[in-house]
Amino acid sequence: MMAVNESSLRGYPHPSISCRAAFDWMLAKLVRSNADGFHLLFLHVQVPDEDGFDDVDSIYASPTDFQSMKQRDKIRGIHLLEYFVNQCHQLGIKCEAWTKQGDPKEVICHEVKRVQPDLLVVGSRGLGPFQRVFVGTVSEFCVKHAECPVITIKRKANEAPRDPIDD
């Protein structure tokens, strides 16, 4: 299973730098030329917009507004997963993909418990200790709490943006 997220720099439907690095690593080091031997699972966790504001600071005032926002977010998540599914199909790798909503750390660990994959692969931004205190890391939480082996893959140093929190 691989947890995937969108780029904070480019937004949907672009995968984050660390997520793409983890996917490329998984293909090169685990799958290699044995595409028939793998069934990859992709999970994208969307964080719900709890305050009712989106990127343009619009206030949603009716149930219809919130419904359209939920539909838009679902479509964006599907487009993100489409990137990974298309890559797998081009390589002849069986795969499944789905989205969930909630706190990514909690949802990923819950899905690991539910699906029971052999392995969880997550990308890591490689934040320093100071940044981890304020931002927190999904990968670190999954290493400690997921009920399967977890591999974290850091993005390449030459692909890191100026602000390490960006991805």
N, C-alpha and C. Protein backbone atom coordinates (compact mmCIF):
# COMPACT_ATOMS: atom_id res chain seq x y z
N MET A 1 0.85 -1.18 0.00
CA MET A 1 0.00 0.00 0.00
C MET A 1 0.89 1.23 0.00
N MET A 2 0.42 2.26 -0.72
CA MET A 2 1.15 3.52 -0.74
C MET A 2 0.18 4.65 -0.45
N ALA A 3 0.53 5.49 0.51
CA ALA A 3 -0.25 6.69 0.80
C ALA A 3 0.26 7.81 -0.08
N VAL A 4 -0.66 8.47 -0.78
CA VAL A 4 -0.28 9.53 -1.72
C VAL A 4 -0.93 10.85 -1.34
N ASN A 5 -0.26 11.94 -1.67
CA ASN A 5 -0.82 13.26 -1.41
C ASN A 5 -0.47 14.20 -2.54
N GLU A 6 -1.20 15.33 -2.55
CA GLU A 6 -1.02 16.30 -3.61
C GLU A 6 0.14 17.24 -3.29
N SER A 7 0.60 17.91 -4.33
CA SER A 7 1.68 18.88 -4.18
C SER A 7 1.15 20.14 -3.52
N SER A 8 1.87 20.64 -2.53
CA SER A 8 1.49 21.92 -1.92
C SER A 8 1.93 23.09 -2.80
N LEU A 9 2.83 22.83 -3.73
CA LEU A 9 3.30 23.88 -4.63
C LEU A 9 2.45 23.97 -5.89
N ARG A 10 2.12 22.82 -6.44
CA ARG A 10 1.38 22.81 -7.70
C ARG A 10 -0.08 22.46 -7.52
N GLY A 11 -0.47 21.95 -6.36
CA GLY A 11 -1.87 21.63 -6.11
C GLY A 11 -2.34 20.39 -6.86
N TYR A 12 -3.64 20.15 -6.80
CA TYR A 12 -4.23 19.01 -7.51
C TYR A 12 -4.12 19.27 -9.00
N PRO A 13 -4.00 18.26 -9.82
CA PRO A 13 -3.92 16.85 -9.49
C PRO A 13 -2.47 16.36 -9.43
N HIS A 14 -1.56 17.23 -9.12
CA HIS A 14 -0.14 16.88 -9.14
C HIS A 14 0.28 16.22 -7.83
N PRO A 15 0.96 15.07 -7.92
CA PRO A 15 1.46 14.43 -6.69
C PRO A 15 2.60 15.25 -6.09
N SER A 16 2.77 15.14 -4.78
CA SER A 16 3.85 15.86 -4.11
C SER A 16 5.21 15.30 -4.56
N ILE A 17 6.24 16.08 -4.31
CA ILE A 17 7.61 15.67 -4.66
C ILE A 17 7.97 14.39 -3.91
N SER A 18 7.71 14.36 -2.61
CA SER A 18 8.08 13.19 -1.81
C SER A 18 7.25 11.96 -2.19
N CYS A 19 6.02 12.18 -2.57
CA CYS A 19 5.16 11.07 -2.98
C CYS A 19 5.65 10.47 -4.31
N ARG A 20 5.99 11.33 -5.26
CA ARG A 20 6.53 10.84 -6.54
C ARG A 20 7.85 10.11 -6.31
N ALA A 21 8.69 10.64 -5.41
CA ALA A 21 9.98 9.99 -5.12
C ALA A 21 9.75 8.60 -4.53
N ALA A 22 8.77 8.48 -3.62
CA ALA A 22 8.47 7.19 -3.02
C ALA A 22 7.94 6.22 -4.07
N PHE A 23 7.09 6.70 -4.96
CA PHE A 23 6.54 5.86 -6.03
C PHE A 23 7.66 5.38 -6.96
N ASP A 24 8.52 6.30 -7.38
CA ASP A 24 9.64 5.92 -8.26
C ASP A 24 10.56 4.91 -7.57
N TRP A 25 10.84 5.12 -6.28
CA TRP A 25 11.68 4.19 -5.52
C TRP A 25 11.03 2.81 -5.48
N MET A 26 9.73 2.80 -5.22
CA MET A 26 9.01 1.53 -5.13
C MET A 26 9.07 0.77 -6.46
N LEU A 27 8.90 1.48 -7.54
CA LEU A 27 8.98 0.82 -8.85
C LEU A 27 10.39 0.28 -9.11
N ALA A 28 11.40 1.09 -8.79
CA ALA A 28 12.78 0.70 -9.08
C ALA A 28 13.31 -0.39 -8.15
N LYS A 29 12.95 -0.32 -6.87
CA LYS A 29 13.56 -1.23 -5.89
C LYS A 29 12.70 -2.43 -5.52
N LEU A 30 11.38 -2.29 -5.57
CA LEU A 30 10.53 -3.40 -5.18
C LEU A 30 9.93 -4.12 -6.38
N VAL A 31 9.28 -3.37 -7.25
CA VAL A 31 8.60 -3.99 -8.38
C VAL A 31 9.61 -4.47 -9.41
N ARG A 32 10.56 -3.64 -9.74
CA ARG A 32 11.59 -3.93 -10.74
C ARG A 32 10.95 -4.45 -12.01
N SER A 33 11.31 -5.65 -12.44
CA SER A 33 10.74 -6.22 -13.67
C SER A 33 9.66 -7.26 -13.35
N ASN A 34 9.22 -7.33 -12.11
CA ASN A 34 8.25 -8.33 -11.69
C ASN A 34 6.85 -7.72 -11.54
N ALA A 35 6.36 -7.04 -12.57
CA ALA A 35 5.07 -6.36 -12.49
C ALA A 35 3.94 -7.32 -12.16
N ASP A 36 4.02 -8.56 -12.65
CA ASP A 36 2.95 -9.54 -12.40
C ASP A 36 2.86 -9.94 -10.93
N GLY A 37 3.95 -9.79 -10.19
CA GLY A 37 3.98 -10.23 -8.80
C GLY A 37 3.44 -9.20 -7.81
N PHE A 38 2.96 -8.06 -8.30
CA PHE A 38 2.52 -7.00 -7.40
C PHE A 38 1.08 -6.59 -7.64
N HIS A 39 0.45 -6.21 -6.56
CA HIS A 39 -0.88 -5.60 -6.59
C HIS A 39 -0.77 -4.38 -5.67
N LEU A 40 -0.65 -3.21 -6.27
CA LEU A 40 -0.42 -2.00 -5.50
C LEU A 40 -1.74 -1.35 -5.09
N LEU A 41 -1.75 -0.82 -3.89
CA LEU A 41 -2.91 -0.13 -3.35
C LEU A 41 -2.52 1.32 -3.09
N PHE A 42 -3.31 2.25 -3.59
CA PHE A 42 -3.04 3.67 -3.40
C PHE A 42 -4.17 4.30 -2.58
N LEU A 43 -3.80 4.99 -1.53
CA LEU A 43 -4.75 5.66 -0.66
C LEU A 43 -4.43 7.15 -0.61
N HIS A 44 -5.45 7.95 -0.87
CA HIS A 44 -5.31 9.41 -0.72
C HIS A 44 -6.30 9.85 0.35
N VAL A 45 -5.78 10.55 1.37
CA VAL A 45 -6.62 11.03 2.45
C VAL A 45 -6.80 12.54 2.29
N GLN A 46 -8.05 12.96 2.16
CA GLN A 46 -8.36 14.37 2.03
C GLN A 46 -8.73 14.92 3.41
N VAL A 47 -8.14 16.04 3.73
CA VAL A 47 -8.44 16.70 5.00
C VAL A 47 -9.66 17.58 4.77
N PRO A 48 -10.75 17.34 5.52
CA PRO A 48 -11.95 18.14 5.30
C PRO A 48 -11.73 19.61 5.66
N ASP A 49 -12.38 20.48 4.93
CA ASP A 49 -12.30 21.92 5.17
C ASP A 49 -13.29 22.27 6.27
N GLU A 50 -12.79 22.24 7.52
CA GLU A 50 -13.67 22.38 8.68
C GLU A 50 -14.20 23.78 8.88
N ASP A 51 -13.49 24.80 8.40
CA ASP A 51 -13.94 26.16 8.69
C ASP A 51 -14.85 26.74 7.63
N GLY A 52 -15.07 26.00 6.54
CA GLY A 52 -15.97 26.50 5.50
C GLY A 52 -15.31 27.47 4.55
N PHE A 53 -13.99 27.61 4.62
CA PHE A 53 -13.27 28.49 3.71
C PHE A 53 -12.46 27.65 2.74
N ASP A 54 -12.37 28.11 1.52
CA ASP A 54 -11.49 27.43 0.58
C ASP A 54 -10.38 28.38 0.16
N ASP A 55 -9.70 28.06 -0.93
CA ASP A 55 -8.52 28.83 -1.33
C ASP A 55 -8.81 30.31 -1.59
N VAL A 56 -10.03 30.65 -1.95
CA VAL A 56 -10.32 32.05 -2.26
C VAL A 56 -11.09 32.73 -1.13
N ASP A 57 -11.09 32.13 0.04
CA ASP A 57 -11.73 32.70 1.22
C ASP A 57 -13.21 33.02 1.02
N SER A 58 -13.90 32.15 0.29
CA SER A 58 -15.35 32.31 0.15
C SER A 58 -16.03 31.67 1.34
N ILE A 59 -17.09 32.30 1.80
CA ILE A 59 -17.86 31.73 2.89
C ILE A 59 -19.02 30.96 2.27
N TYR A 60 -19.20 29.72 2.71
CA TYR A 60 -20.27 28.90 2.21
C TYR A 60 -21.48 29.09 3.11
N ALA A 61 -22.61 29.42 2.52
CA ALA A 61 -23.77 29.82 3.30
C ALA A 61 -24.96 28.88 3.20
N SER A 62 -24.89 27.88 2.35
CA SER A 62 -26.03 26.98 2.22
C SER A 62 -25.55 25.54 2.13
N PRO A 63 -26.43 24.59 2.41
CA PRO A 63 -26.06 23.17 2.27
C PRO A 63 -25.60 22.82 0.86
N THR A 64 -26.16 23.48 -0.13
CA THR A 64 -25.77 23.23 -1.52
C THR A 64 -24.31 23.63 -1.74
N ASP A 65 -23.89 24.73 -1.12
CA ASP A 65 -22.50 25.17 -1.26
C ASP A 65 -21.54 24.12 -0.72
N PHE A 66 -21.88 23.56 0.45
CA PHE A 66 -21.01 22.54 1.03
C PHE A 66 -21.01 21.26 0.20
N GLN A 67 -22.15 20.91 -0.35
CA GLN A 67 -22.24 19.71 -1.19
C GLN A 67 -21.36 19.86 -2.43
N SER A 68 -21.40 21.04 -3.05
CA SER A 68 -20.58 21.25 -4.24
C SER A 68 -19.09 21.24 -3.88
N MET A 69 -18.74 21.76 -2.68
CA MET A 69 -17.35 21.73 -2.23
C MET A 69 -16.88 20.29 -2.03
N LYS A 70 -17.72 19.46 -1.40
CA LYS A 70 -17.37 18.05 -1.20
C LYS A 70 -17.19 17.34 -2.53
N GLN A 71 -18.07 17.62 -3.49
CA GLN A 71 -17.97 17.00 -4.82
C GLN A 71 -16.69 17.43 -5.52
N ARG A 72 -16.35 18.72 -5.43
CA ARG A 72 -15.13 19.24 -6.04
C ARG A 72 -13.90 18.55 -5.44
N ASP A 73 -13.86 18.42 -4.11
CA ASP A 73 -12.72 17.77 -3.46
C ASP A 73 -12.61 16.31 -3.86
N LYS A 74 -13.73 15.63 -3.99
CA LYS A 74 -13.72 14.23 -4.40
C LYS A 74 -13.14 14.09 -5.81
N ILE A 75 -13.54 14.97 -6.70
CA ILE A 75 -13.04 14.94 -8.08
C ILE A 75 -11.54 15.21 -8.10
N ARG A 76 -11.09 16.17 -7.29
CA ARG A 76 -9.66 16.47 -7.24
C ARG A 76 -8.87 15.26 -6.74
N GLY A 77 -9.37 14.57 -5.72
CA GLY A 77 -8.71 13.38 -5.22
C GLY A 77 -8.63 12.28 -6.25
N ILE A 78 -9.70 12.14 -7.03
CA ILE A 78 -9.72 11.12 -8.08
C ILE A 78 -8.68 11.44 -9.15
N HIS A 79 -8.54 12.71 -9.50
CA HIS A 79 -7.53 13.09 -10.50
C HIS A 79 -6.11 12.80 -9.99
N LEU A 80 -5.89 13.01 -8.70
CA LEU A 80 -4.57 12.69 -8.13
C LEU A 80 -4.30 11.19 -8.25
N LEU A 81 -5.25 10.38 -7.87
CA LEU A 81 -5.08 8.92 -7.94
C LEU A 81 -4.93 8.45 -9.38
N GLU A 82 -5.55 9.15 -10.30
CA GLU A 82 -5.47 8.78 -11.71
C GLU A 82 -4.02 8.75 -12.21
N TYR A 83 -3.19 9.66 -11.71
CA TYR A 83 -1.78 9.69 -12.08
C TYR A 83 -1.12 8.34 -11.79
N PHE A 84 -1.32 7.83 -10.58
CA PHE A 84 -0.68 6.58 -10.17
C PHE A 84 -1.28 5.37 -10.87
N VAL A 85 -2.58 5.36 -11.04
CA VAL A 85 -3.24 4.25 -11.74
C VAL A 85 -2.78 4.20 -13.19
N ASN A 86 -2.69 5.35 -13.84
CA ASN A 86 -2.22 5.37 -15.23
C ASN A 86 -0.79 4.84 -15.34
N GLN A 87 0.08 5.26 -14.42
CA GLN A 87 1.47 4.77 -14.43
C GLN A 87 1.51 3.25 -14.29
N CYS A 88 0.71 2.73 -13.37
CA CYS A 88 0.69 1.27 -13.15
C CYS A 88 0.18 0.53 -14.37
N HIS A 89 -0.87 1.04 -14.99
CA HIS A 89 -1.42 0.36 -16.16
C HIS A 89 -0.43 0.37 -17.32
N GLN A 90 0.32 1.45 -17.47
CA GLN A 90 1.33 1.49 -18.52
C GLN A 90 2.41 0.43 -18.30
N LEU A 91 2.69 0.12 -17.03
CA LEU A 91 3.72 -0.86 -16.69
C LEU A 91 3.16 -2.26 -16.49
N GLY A 92 1.86 -2.42 -16.60
CA GLY A 92 1.24 -3.73 -16.42
C GLY A 92 1.15 -4.19 -14.98
N ILE A 93 1.05 -3.24 -14.05
CA ILE A 93 0.97 -3.56 -12.62
C ILE A 93 -0.49 -3.44 -12.18
N LYS A 94 -0.99 -4.48 -11.53
CA LYS A 94 -2.36 -4.42 -10.99
C LYS A 94 -2.39 -3.42 -9.84
N CYS A 95 -3.48 -2.67 -9.77
CA CYS A 95 -3.58 -1.70 -8.69
C CYS A 95 -5.03 -1.38 -8.37
N GLU A 96 -5.20 -0.79 -7.19
CA GLU A 96 -6.47 -0.25 -6.73
C GLU A 96 -6.18 1.10 -6.10
N ALA A 97 -7.17 1.98 -6.11
CA ALA A 97 -6.98 3.30 -5.52
C ALA A 97 -8.30 3.78 -4.92
N TRP A 98 -8.19 4.49 -3.79
CA TRP A 98 -9.38 5.04 -3.16
C TRP A 98 -9.03 6.25 -2.33
N THR A 99 -10.06 7.04 -2.03
CA THR A 99 -9.88 8.21 -1.18
C THR A 99 -10.70 8.04 0.10
N LYS A 100 -10.22 8.68 1.13
CA LYS A 100 -10.92 8.75 2.42
C LYS A 100 -10.77 10.18 2.91
N GLN A 101 -11.57 10.56 3.88
CA GLN A 101 -11.45 11.88 4.48
C GLN A 101 -11.10 11.74 5.95
N GLY A 102 -10.33 12.71 6.45
CA GLY A 102 -9.98 12.72 7.86
C GLY A 102 -8.55 13.15 8.08
N ASP A 103 -8.05 12.86 9.26
CA ASP A 103 -6.66 13.13 9.61
C ASP A 103 -5.81 12.07 8.92
N PRO A 104 -4.91 12.46 8.01
CA PRO A 104 -4.15 11.48 7.25
C PRO A 104 -3.46 10.41 8.10
N LYS A 105 -2.85 10.83 9.22
CA LYS A 105 -2.14 9.86 10.07
C LYS A 105 -3.09 8.76 10.54
N GLU A 106 -4.21 9.17 11.08
CA GLU A 106 -5.17 8.23 11.65
C GLU A 106 -5.81 7.36 10.56
N VAL A 107 -6.19 7.99 9.46
CA VAL A 107 -6.88 7.26 8.39
C VAL A 107 -5.95 6.24 7.75
N ILE A 108 -4.71 6.61 7.50
CA ILE A 108 -3.77 5.66 6.89
C ILE A 108 -3.60 4.44 7.80
N CYS A 109 -3.39 4.66 9.08
CA CYS A 109 -3.21 3.54 10.00
C CYS A 109 -4.49 2.71 10.11
N HIS A 110 -5.64 3.34 10.07
CA HIS A 110 -6.90 2.61 10.09
C HIS A 110 -7.05 1.75 8.84
N GLU A 111 -6.71 2.31 7.69
CA GLU A 111 -6.82 1.56 6.44
C GLU A 111 -5.81 0.41 6.39
N VAL A 112 -4.64 0.61 6.95
CA VAL A 112 -3.66 -0.49 7.03
C VAL A 112 -4.25 -1.63 7.85
N LYS A 113 -4.87 -1.29 8.96
CA LYS A 113 -5.49 -2.31 9.81
C LYS A 113 -6.61 -3.03 9.06
N ARG A 114 -7.40 -2.28 8.30
CA ARG A 114 -8.55 -2.84 7.58
C ARG A 114 -8.12 -3.71 6.40
N VAL A 115 -7.17 -3.22 5.61
CA VAL A 115 -6.77 -3.89 4.36
C VAL A 115 -5.67 -4.93 4.58
N GLN A 116 -4.84 -4.74 5.59
CA GLN A 116 -3.73 -5.62 5.94
C GLN A 116 -2.74 -5.84 4.78
N PRO A 117 -2.15 -4.74 4.28
CA PRO A 117 -1.14 -4.89 3.22
C PRO A 117 0.15 -5.50 3.77
N ASP A 118 0.97 -5.99 2.89
CA ASP A 118 2.27 -6.53 3.30
C ASP A 118 3.22 -5.43 3.75
N LEU A 119 3.02 -4.23 3.20
CA LEU A 119 3.97 -3.15 3.39
C LEU A 119 3.28 -1.81 3.13
N LEU A 120 3.68 -0.78 3.86
CA LEU A 120 3.20 0.58 3.61
C LEU A 120 4.39 1.42 3.17
N VAL A 121 4.23 2.13 2.06
CA VAL A 121 5.27 3.02 1.56
C VAL A 121 4.73 4.45 1.64
N VAL A 122 5.49 5.33 2.28
CA VAL A 122 5.10 6.73 2.38
C VAL A 122 6.28 7.62 2.05
N GLY A 123 6.00 8.75 1.45
CA GLY A 123 7.03 9.73 1.18
C GLY A 123 7.28 10.57 2.42
N SER A 124 8.47 11.11 2.51
CA SER A 124 8.84 11.96 3.65
C SER A 124 9.51 13.21 3.12
N ARG A 125 9.13 14.34 3.68
CA ARG A 125 9.74 15.61 3.26
C ARG A 125 11.12 15.80 3.86
N GLY A 126 11.47 15.02 4.88
CA GLY A 126 12.77 15.15 5.52
C GLY A 126 12.88 16.41 6.36
N LEU A 127 11.83 16.71 7.11
CA LEU A 127 11.83 17.90 7.95
C LEU A 127 12.81 17.74 9.11
N GLY A 128 13.37 18.84 9.54
CA GLY A 128 14.25 18.83 10.71
C GLY A 128 13.43 18.77 11.99
N PRO A 129 14.10 18.59 13.14
CA PRO A 129 13.38 18.45 14.40
C PRO A 129 12.52 19.66 14.76
N PHE A 130 12.98 20.85 14.46
CA PHE A 130 12.22 22.05 14.78
C PHE A 130 10.92 22.10 13.97
N GLN A 131 11.02 21.80 12.68
CA GLN A 131 9.83 21.82 11.81
C GLN A 131 8.85 20.71 12.18
N ARG A 132 9.37 19.55 12.58
CA ARG A 132 8.49 18.44 12.95
C ARG A 132 7.62 18.79 14.14
N VAL A 133 8.15 19.58 15.07
CA VAL A 133 7.37 19.96 16.25
C VAL A 133 6.13 20.75 15.84
N PHE A 134 6.29 21.66 14.87
CA PHE A 134 5.17 22.51 14.50
C PHE A 134 4.30 21.92 13.39
N VAL A 135 4.88 21.17 12.49
CA VAL A 135 4.13 20.63 11.37
C VAL A 135 3.66 19.21 11.64
N GLY A 136 4.48 18.42 12.33
CA GLY A 136 4.15 17.01 12.53
C GLY A 136 4.43 16.25 11.24
N THR A 137 4.63 14.95 11.35
CA THR A 137 4.86 14.19 10.14
C THR A 137 3.97 12.96 10.13
N VAL A 138 3.36 12.76 8.99
CA VAL A 138 2.51 11.59 8.78
C VAL A 138 3.38 10.34 8.76
N SER A 139 4.52 10.42 8.08
CA SER A 139 5.38 9.24 7.94
C SER A 139 5.87 8.75 9.31
N GLU A 140 6.28 9.67 10.17
CA GLU A 140 6.76 9.29 11.50
C GLU A 140 5.65 8.61 12.31
N PHE A 141 4.45 9.14 12.25
CA PHE A 141 3.32 8.56 12.96
C PHE A 141 3.04 7.14 12.44
N CYS A 142 3.06 6.98 11.11
CA CYS A 142 2.79 5.67 10.51
C CYS A 142 3.85 4.64 10.90
N VAL A 143 5.10 5.05 10.96
CA VAL A 143 6.17 4.13 11.38
C VAL A 143 5.87 3.59 12.77
N LYS A 144 5.37 4.46 13.65
CA LYS A 144 5.12 4.06 15.03
C LYS A 144 3.81 3.29 15.22
N HIS A 145 2.79 3.56 14.39
CA HIS A 145 1.47 3.04 14.67
C HIS A 145 0.88 2.07 13.65
N ALA A 146 1.39 2.04 12.43
CA ALA A 146 0.81 1.15 11.41
C ALA A 146 1.11 -0.31 11.76
N GLU A 147 0.15 -1.17 11.48
CA GLU A 147 0.27 -2.59 11.83
C GLU A 147 0.86 -3.40 10.68
N CYS A 148 1.89 -2.85 10.05
CA CYS A 148 2.66 -3.56 9.03
C CYS A 148 4.01 -2.84 8.91
N PRO A 149 4.97 -3.45 8.24
CA PRO A 149 6.24 -2.75 8.02
C PRO A 149 6.00 -1.47 7.21
N VAL A 150 6.75 -0.42 7.52
CA VAL A 150 6.61 0.87 6.84
C VAL A 150 7.97 1.28 6.29
N ILE A 151 7.98 1.68 5.04
CA ILE A 151 9.18 2.23 4.42
C ILE A 151 8.90 3.69 4.12
N THR A 152 9.76 4.57 4.62
CA THR A 152 9.64 6.00 4.31
C THR A 152 10.76 6.37 3.35
N ILE A 153 10.39 7.10 2.31
CA ILE A 153 11.34 7.50 1.29
C ILE A 153 11.41 9.02 1.27
N LYS A 154 12.61 9.56 1.52
CA LYS A 154 12.81 11.01 1.48
C LYS A 154 12.97 11.46 0.03
N ARG A 155 12.48 12.67 -0.22
CA ARG A 155 12.68 13.24 -1.55
C ARG A 155 14.16 13.54 -1.75
N LYS A 156 14.59 13.60 -2.99
CA LYS A 156 15.98 13.89 -3.29
C LYS A 156 16.30 15.34 -2.92
N ALA A 157 17.51 15.55 -2.43
CA ALA A 157 17.92 16.89 -1.97
C ALA A 157 17.80 17.91 -3.09
N ASN A 158 18.11 17.51 -4.32
CA ASN A 158 18.04 18.48 -5.43
C ASN A 158 16.61 18.79 -5.86
N GLU A 159 15.62 18.04 -5.33
CA GLU A 159 14.22 18.31 -5.65
C GLU A 159 13.51 19.07 -4.53
N ALA A 160 14.20 19.31 -3.44
CA ALA A 160 13.57 19.99 -2.30
C ALA A 160 13.39 21.47 -2.59
N PRO A 161 12.21 22.01 -2.32
CA PRO A 161 12.01 23.45 -2.50
C PRO A 161 12.72 24.24 -1.41
N ARG A 162 12.74 25.55 -1.54
CA ARG A 162 13.42 26.40 -0.55
C ARG A 162 12.87 26.18 0.85
N ASP A 163 11.57 26.14 0.96
CA ASP A 163 10.94 25.89 2.26
C ASP A 163 10.63 24.40 2.35
N PRO A 164 11.29 23.68 3.26
CA PRO A 164 11.12 22.22 3.33
C PRO A 164 9.69 21.79 3.64
N ILE A 165 8.89 22.69 4.16
CA ILE A 165 7.50 22.33 4.45
C ILE A 165 6.73 22.16 3.14
N ASP A 166 7.12 22.92 2.11
CA ASP A 166 6.47 22.77 0.80
C ASP A 166 6.84 21.42 0.21
N ASP A 167 5.97 20.91 -0.59
CA ASP A 167 6.22 19.63 -1.24
C ASP A 167 5.44 19.61 -2.53
